[in-house]
Amino acid sequence: MEKMMGNLDVLSMGYGVIPNRMISDRHLSIEAKGIYCYIAACTGSGETDFPSVELICSDLKISNQRFRKHKKELVERGYLTIESGQHKGKFINNRYILGNGKG
C-alpha cells in the first residue's frame, strides 16, 4: 500500500475540514486532535462506512487503550458523538458524528 500511495496525489483518497476551534482547544491532547483529524478525513471523503477502531489504531500507530482514552476527550468536549453500530442485532462499525465543541 505504501508504494502505491507514493504515486498518488495527497488529496486523491479524500480529505476533511478541521475547525480552528478544535485545533486551538488547549484542553485537548495532540492524540485527541489526531483522532479527530483522522475521523474528519474519513467523513469528508464521502464514505458511508466508518473505519473500525482496529484500523484507526493501526493507521495512527496507537494502542486501543490510547485511542479510547483520547477519544473520550473528544466526546467530553463535544467534538465527537458516537452511535453504536448495530444492524439486526449484529455489531458493525460505529458511526462517528463530528460536533462543534463546547463553548
N, C-alpha and C. Protein backbone atom coordinates (compact mmCIF):
# COMPACT_ATOMS: atom_id res chain seq x y z
N MET A 1 0.82 -1.20 0.00
CA MET A 1 0.00 0.00 0.00
C MET A 1 0.87 1.26 0.00
N GLU A 2 1.97 1.25 0.79
CA GLU A 2 2.81 2.44 0.86
C GLU A 2 3.41 2.80 -0.49
N LYS A 3 3.85 1.79 -1.27
CA LYS A 3 4.41 2.07 -2.59
C LYS A 3 3.36 2.71 -3.48
N MET A 4 2.13 2.20 -3.43
CA MET A 4 1.06 2.73 -4.25
C MET A 4 0.76 4.17 -3.84
N MET A 5 0.75 4.47 -2.56
CA MET A 5 0.41 5.80 -2.10
C MET A 5 1.44 6.83 -2.52
N GLY A 6 2.68 6.42 -2.71
CA GLY A 6 3.72 7.35 -3.12
C GLY A 6 3.44 8.00 -4.46
N ASN A 7 2.69 7.36 -5.33
CA ASN A 7 2.40 7.88 -6.66
C ASN A 7 1.08 8.65 -6.72
N LEU A 8 0.32 8.68 -5.65
CA LEU A 8 -0.99 9.33 -5.65
C LEU A 8 -0.89 10.77 -5.19
N ASP A 9 -1.79 11.58 -5.70
CA ASP A 9 -1.94 12.94 -5.21
C ASP A 9 -2.40 12.85 -3.75
N VAL A 10 -1.92 13.72 -2.90
CA VAL A 10 -2.22 13.68 -1.47
C VAL A 10 -3.72 13.78 -1.20
N LEU A 11 -4.49 14.38 -2.07
CA LEU A 11 -5.93 14.54 -1.87
C LEU A 11 -6.75 13.44 -2.53
N SER A 12 -6.12 12.52 -3.23
CA SER A 12 -6.86 11.54 -4.03
C SER A 12 -7.69 10.57 -3.20
N MET A 13 -7.37 10.40 -1.93
CA MET A 13 -8.13 9.47 -1.08
C MET A 13 -9.16 10.21 -0.23
N GLY A 14 -9.38 11.49 -0.52
CA GLY A 14 -10.35 12.28 0.23
C GLY A 14 -9.68 13.17 1.25
N TYR A 15 -10.46 14.03 1.84
CA TYR A 15 -9.95 14.94 2.85
C TYR A 15 -11.10 15.43 3.70
N GLY A 16 -10.78 16.06 4.82
CA GLY A 16 -11.80 16.58 5.71
C GLY A 16 -11.50 18.02 6.10
N VAL A 17 -12.46 18.66 6.70
CA VAL A 17 -12.31 20.03 7.16
C VAL A 17 -12.10 20.00 8.67
N ILE A 18 -11.09 20.71 9.12
CA ILE A 18 -10.75 20.74 10.55
C ILE A 18 -11.02 22.16 11.08
N PRO A 19 -11.92 22.29 12.07
CA PRO A 19 -12.21 23.62 12.61
C PRO A 19 -11.04 24.16 13.44
N ASN A 20 -10.75 25.43 13.27
CA ASN A 20 -9.69 26.08 14.05
C ASN A 20 -9.97 25.98 15.55
N ARG A 21 -11.23 26.05 15.89
CA ARG A 21 -11.61 25.99 17.31
C ARG A 21 -11.12 24.69 17.96
N MET A 22 -11.24 23.58 17.24
CA MET A 22 -10.80 22.30 17.78
C MET A 22 -9.27 22.26 17.87
N ILE A 23 -8.60 22.69 16.83
CA ILE A 23 -7.14 22.66 16.80
C ILE A 23 -6.55 23.54 17.90
N SER A 24 -7.19 24.66 18.20
CA SER A 24 -6.65 25.57 19.21
C SER A 24 -7.19 25.31 20.62
N ASP A 25 -8.02 24.28 20.78
CA ASP A 25 -8.56 23.94 22.10
C ASP A 25 -7.46 23.35 22.97
N ARG A 26 -7.04 24.09 23.95
CA ARG A 26 -5.92 23.68 24.82
C ARG A 26 -6.29 22.59 25.81
N HIS A 27 -7.56 22.23 25.86
CA HIS A 27 -7.99 21.13 26.73
C HIS A 27 -7.80 19.77 26.06
N LEU A 28 -7.51 19.77 24.77
CA LEU A 28 -7.35 18.52 24.03
C LEU A 28 -5.88 18.16 23.86
N SER A 29 -5.61 16.89 23.98
CA SER A 29 -4.26 16.38 23.73
C SER A 29 -3.99 16.33 22.23
N ILE A 30 -2.72 16.22 21.87
CA ILE A 30 -2.37 16.07 20.47
C ILE A 30 -2.95 14.77 19.91
N GLU A 31 -3.06 13.75 20.74
CA GLU A 31 -3.64 12.48 20.29
C GLU A 31 -5.13 12.65 19.96
N ALA A 32 -5.85 13.39 20.80
CA ALA A 32 -7.28 13.63 20.54
C ALA A 32 -7.44 14.41 19.24
N LYS A 33 -6.59 15.38 19.02
CA LYS A 33 -6.65 16.17 17.78
C LYS A 33 -6.34 15.29 16.57
N GLY A 34 -5.39 14.39 16.71
CA GLY A 34 -5.06 13.47 15.62
C GLY A 34 -6.22 12.55 15.29
N ILE A 35 -6.89 12.04 16.32
CA ILE A 35 -8.04 11.17 16.12
C ILE A 35 -9.17 11.94 15.43
N TYR A 36 -9.42 13.16 15.86
CA TYR A 36 -10.44 13.99 15.23
C TYR A 36 -10.11 14.20 13.76
N CYS A 37 -8.88 14.54 13.47
CA CYS A 37 -8.46 14.77 12.09
C CYS A 37 -8.65 13.52 11.24
N TYR A 38 -8.32 12.36 11.80
CA TYR A 38 -8.48 11.10 11.09
C TYR A 38 -9.95 10.87 10.74
N ILE A 39 -10.82 11.03 11.73
CA ILE A 39 -12.25 10.81 11.51
C ILE A 39 -12.80 11.85 10.53
N ALA A 40 -12.36 13.10 10.65
CA ALA A 40 -12.81 14.15 9.73
C ALA A 40 -12.40 13.82 8.30
N ALA A 41 -11.21 13.28 8.13
CA ALA A 41 -10.77 12.90 6.78
C ALA A 41 -11.66 11.79 6.22
N CYS A 42 -12.07 10.86 7.06
CA CYS A 42 -12.95 9.77 6.60
C CYS A 42 -14.33 10.29 6.24
N THR A 43 -14.91 11.13 7.08
CA THR A 43 -16.25 11.62 6.80
C THR A 43 -16.24 12.62 5.66
N GLY A 44 -15.15 13.34 5.50
CA GLY A 44 -15.04 14.32 4.42
C GLY A 44 -14.87 13.70 3.06
N SER A 45 -14.49 12.43 3.02
CA SER A 45 -14.26 11.78 1.74
C SER A 45 -15.54 11.22 1.13
N GLY A 46 -16.65 11.32 1.85
CA GLY A 46 -17.93 10.86 1.34
C GLY A 46 -18.17 9.38 1.51
N GLU A 47 -17.34 8.70 2.27
CA GLU A 47 -17.54 7.27 2.51
C GLU A 47 -18.74 7.08 3.42
N THR A 48 -19.45 5.99 3.23
CA THR A 48 -20.62 5.75 4.04
C THR A 48 -20.35 4.81 5.21
N ASP A 49 -19.29 4.02 5.14
CA ASP A 49 -18.98 3.22 6.33
C ASP A 49 -17.74 3.80 6.99
N PHE A 50 -17.65 3.65 8.27
CA PHE A 50 -16.61 4.31 9.03
C PHE A 50 -15.57 3.31 9.47
N PRO A 51 -14.36 3.77 9.63
CA PRO A 51 -13.26 2.85 9.95
C PRO A 51 -13.46 2.20 11.31
N SER A 52 -12.97 0.99 11.42
CA SER A 52 -13.03 0.29 12.70
C SER A 52 -11.97 0.87 13.64
N VAL A 53 -12.15 0.64 14.91
CA VAL A 53 -11.15 1.08 15.90
C VAL A 53 -9.80 0.45 15.56
N GLU A 54 -9.84 -0.80 15.15
CA GLU A 54 -8.60 -1.50 14.79
C GLU A 54 -7.86 -0.78 13.66
N LEU A 55 -8.59 -0.35 12.64
CA LEU A 55 -7.97 0.35 11.52
C LEU A 55 -7.44 1.71 11.95
N ILE A 56 -8.22 2.45 12.73
CA ILE A 56 -7.78 3.76 13.21
C ILE A 56 -6.49 3.60 14.00
N CYS A 57 -6.46 2.65 14.92
CA CYS A 57 -5.27 2.43 15.75
C CYS A 57 -4.07 2.03 14.89
N SER A 58 -4.30 1.20 13.93
CA SER A 58 -3.22 0.76 13.04
C SER A 58 -2.67 1.94 12.23
N ASP A 59 -3.56 2.72 11.63
CA ASP A 59 -3.13 3.85 10.82
C ASP A 59 -2.43 4.93 11.64
N LEU A 60 -2.91 5.16 12.87
CA LEU A 60 -2.31 6.19 13.73
C LEU A 60 -1.17 5.65 14.60
N LYS A 61 -0.95 4.35 14.52
CA LYS A 61 0.10 3.68 15.29
C LYS A 61 -0.04 3.95 16.79
N ILE A 62 -1.27 3.71 17.28
CA ILE A 62 -1.55 3.84 18.71
C ILE A 62 -2.27 2.58 19.19
N SER A 63 -2.22 2.35 20.49
CA SER A 63 -2.91 1.19 21.05
C SER A 63 -4.41 1.47 21.18
N ASN A 64 -5.17 0.41 21.32
CA ASN A 64 -6.60 0.52 21.52
C ASN A 64 -6.89 1.33 22.79
N GLN A 65 -6.14 1.07 23.85
CA GLN A 65 -6.32 1.77 25.12
C GLN A 65 -6.04 3.27 24.95
N ARG A 66 -5.00 3.60 24.23
CA ARG A 66 -4.66 5.01 24.00
C ARG A 66 -5.75 5.69 23.17
N PHE A 67 -6.25 4.97 22.16
CA PHE A 67 -7.34 5.51 21.34
C PHE A 67 -8.55 5.84 22.20
N ARG A 68 -8.96 4.89 23.03
CA ARG A 68 -10.15 5.09 23.85
C ARG A 68 -9.99 6.26 24.83
N LYS A 69 -8.81 6.38 25.41
CA LYS A 69 -8.54 7.47 26.35
C LYS A 69 -8.71 8.84 25.67
N HIS A 70 -8.14 9.00 24.50
CA HIS A 70 -8.17 10.30 23.84
C HIS A 70 -9.47 10.55 23.08
N LYS A 71 -10.13 9.49 22.65
CA LYS A 71 -11.46 9.62 22.05
C LYS A 71 -12.42 10.18 23.11
N LYS A 72 -12.24 9.74 24.35
CA LYS A 72 -13.08 10.21 25.45
C LYS A 72 -12.99 11.73 25.60
N GLU A 73 -11.81 12.30 25.41
CA GLU A 73 -11.64 13.76 25.47
C GLU A 73 -12.54 14.44 24.43
N LEU A 74 -12.55 13.90 23.23
CA LEU A 74 -13.37 14.49 22.16
C LEU A 74 -14.85 14.43 22.49
N VAL A 75 -15.27 13.33 23.06
CA VAL A 75 -16.68 13.17 23.44
C VAL A 75 -17.02 14.15 24.56
N GLU A 76 -16.18 14.23 25.58
CA GLU A 76 -16.44 15.11 26.72
C GLU A 76 -16.45 16.58 26.33
N ARG A 77 -15.65 16.96 25.35
CA ARG A 77 -15.58 18.36 24.92
C ARG A 77 -16.59 18.70 23.82
N GLY A 78 -17.40 17.71 23.40
CA GLY A 78 -18.46 17.95 22.42
C GLY A 78 -18.03 17.94 20.97
N TYR A 79 -16.83 17.43 20.69
CA TYR A 79 -16.35 17.37 19.32
C TYR A 79 -16.73 16.08 18.61
N LEU A 80 -17.17 15.09 19.37
CA LEU A 80 -17.47 13.80 18.78
C LEU A 80 -18.63 13.13 19.50
N THR A 81 -19.55 12.60 18.73
CA THR A 81 -20.64 11.78 19.24
C THR A 81 -20.51 10.43 18.55
N ILE A 82 -20.73 9.37 19.30
CA ILE A 82 -20.59 8.03 18.74
C ILE A 82 -21.90 7.30 18.88
N GLU A 83 -22.40 6.81 17.75
CA GLU A 83 -23.59 5.98 17.75
C GLU A 83 -23.16 4.54 17.58
N SER A 84 -23.65 3.69 18.46
CA SER A 84 -23.30 2.28 18.41
C SER A 84 -23.69 1.68 17.08
N GLY A 85 -22.78 0.95 16.51
CA GLY A 85 -23.04 0.35 15.21
C GLY A 85 -23.64 -1.03 15.34
N GLN A 86 -24.95 -1.12 15.23
CA GLN A 86 -25.62 -2.42 15.25
C GLN A 86 -26.67 -2.45 14.15
N HIS A 87 -26.75 -3.60 13.51
CA HIS A 87 -27.75 -3.80 12.47
C HIS A 87 -28.28 -5.22 12.62
N LYS A 88 -29.58 -5.33 12.88
CA LYS A 88 -30.23 -6.63 13.08
C LYS A 88 -29.52 -7.45 14.15
N GLY A 89 -29.15 -6.76 15.24
CA GLY A 89 -28.54 -7.45 16.38
C GLY A 89 -27.06 -7.76 16.23
N LYS A 90 -26.47 -7.44 15.10
CA LYS A 90 -25.04 -7.70 14.89
C LYS A 90 -24.27 -6.41 14.97
N PHE A 91 -23.08 -6.49 15.57
CA PHE A 91 -22.24 -5.31 15.70
C PHE A 91 -21.60 -4.97 14.35
N ILE A 92 -21.67 -3.68 14.00
CA ILE A 92 -20.94 -3.16 12.85
C ILE A 92 -20.16 -1.94 13.33
N ASN A 93 -19.35 -1.38 12.50
CA ASN A 93 -18.54 -0.23 12.92
C ASN A 93 -19.41 0.91 13.43
N ASN A 94 -18.90 1.61 14.43
CA ASN A 94 -19.61 2.76 15.00
C ASN A 94 -19.74 3.87 13.98
N ARG A 95 -20.74 4.71 14.20
CA ARG A 95 -20.93 5.90 13.40
C ARG A 95 -20.39 7.08 14.20
N TYR A 96 -19.47 7.81 13.62
CA TYR A 96 -18.86 8.97 14.28
C TYR A 96 -19.48 10.25 13.73
N ILE A 97 -19.96 11.10 14.64
CA ILE A 97 -20.57 12.36 14.25
C ILE A 97 -19.73 13.49 14.83
N LEU A 98 -19.20 14.33 13.96
CA LEU A 98 -18.34 15.41 14.42
C LEU A 98 -19.19 16.58 14.90
N GLY A 99 -18.80 17.16 16.05
CA GLY A 99 -19.52 18.27 16.63
C GLY A 99 -18.70 19.54 16.64
N ASN A 100 -19.27 20.59 17.20
CA ASN A 100 -18.63 21.90 17.24
C ASN A 100 -17.86 22.17 18.53
N GLY A 101 -17.94 21.27 19.47
CA GLY A 101 -17.27 21.52 20.74
C GLY A 101 -18.12 22.35 21.67
N LYS A 102 -17.68 22.38 22.92
CA LYS A 102 -18.39 23.16 23.94
C LYS A 102 -17.84 24.56 23.95
N GLY A 103 -18.74 25.52 24.16
CA GLY A 103 -18.35 26.92 24.21
C GLY A 103 -17.60 27.23 25.41
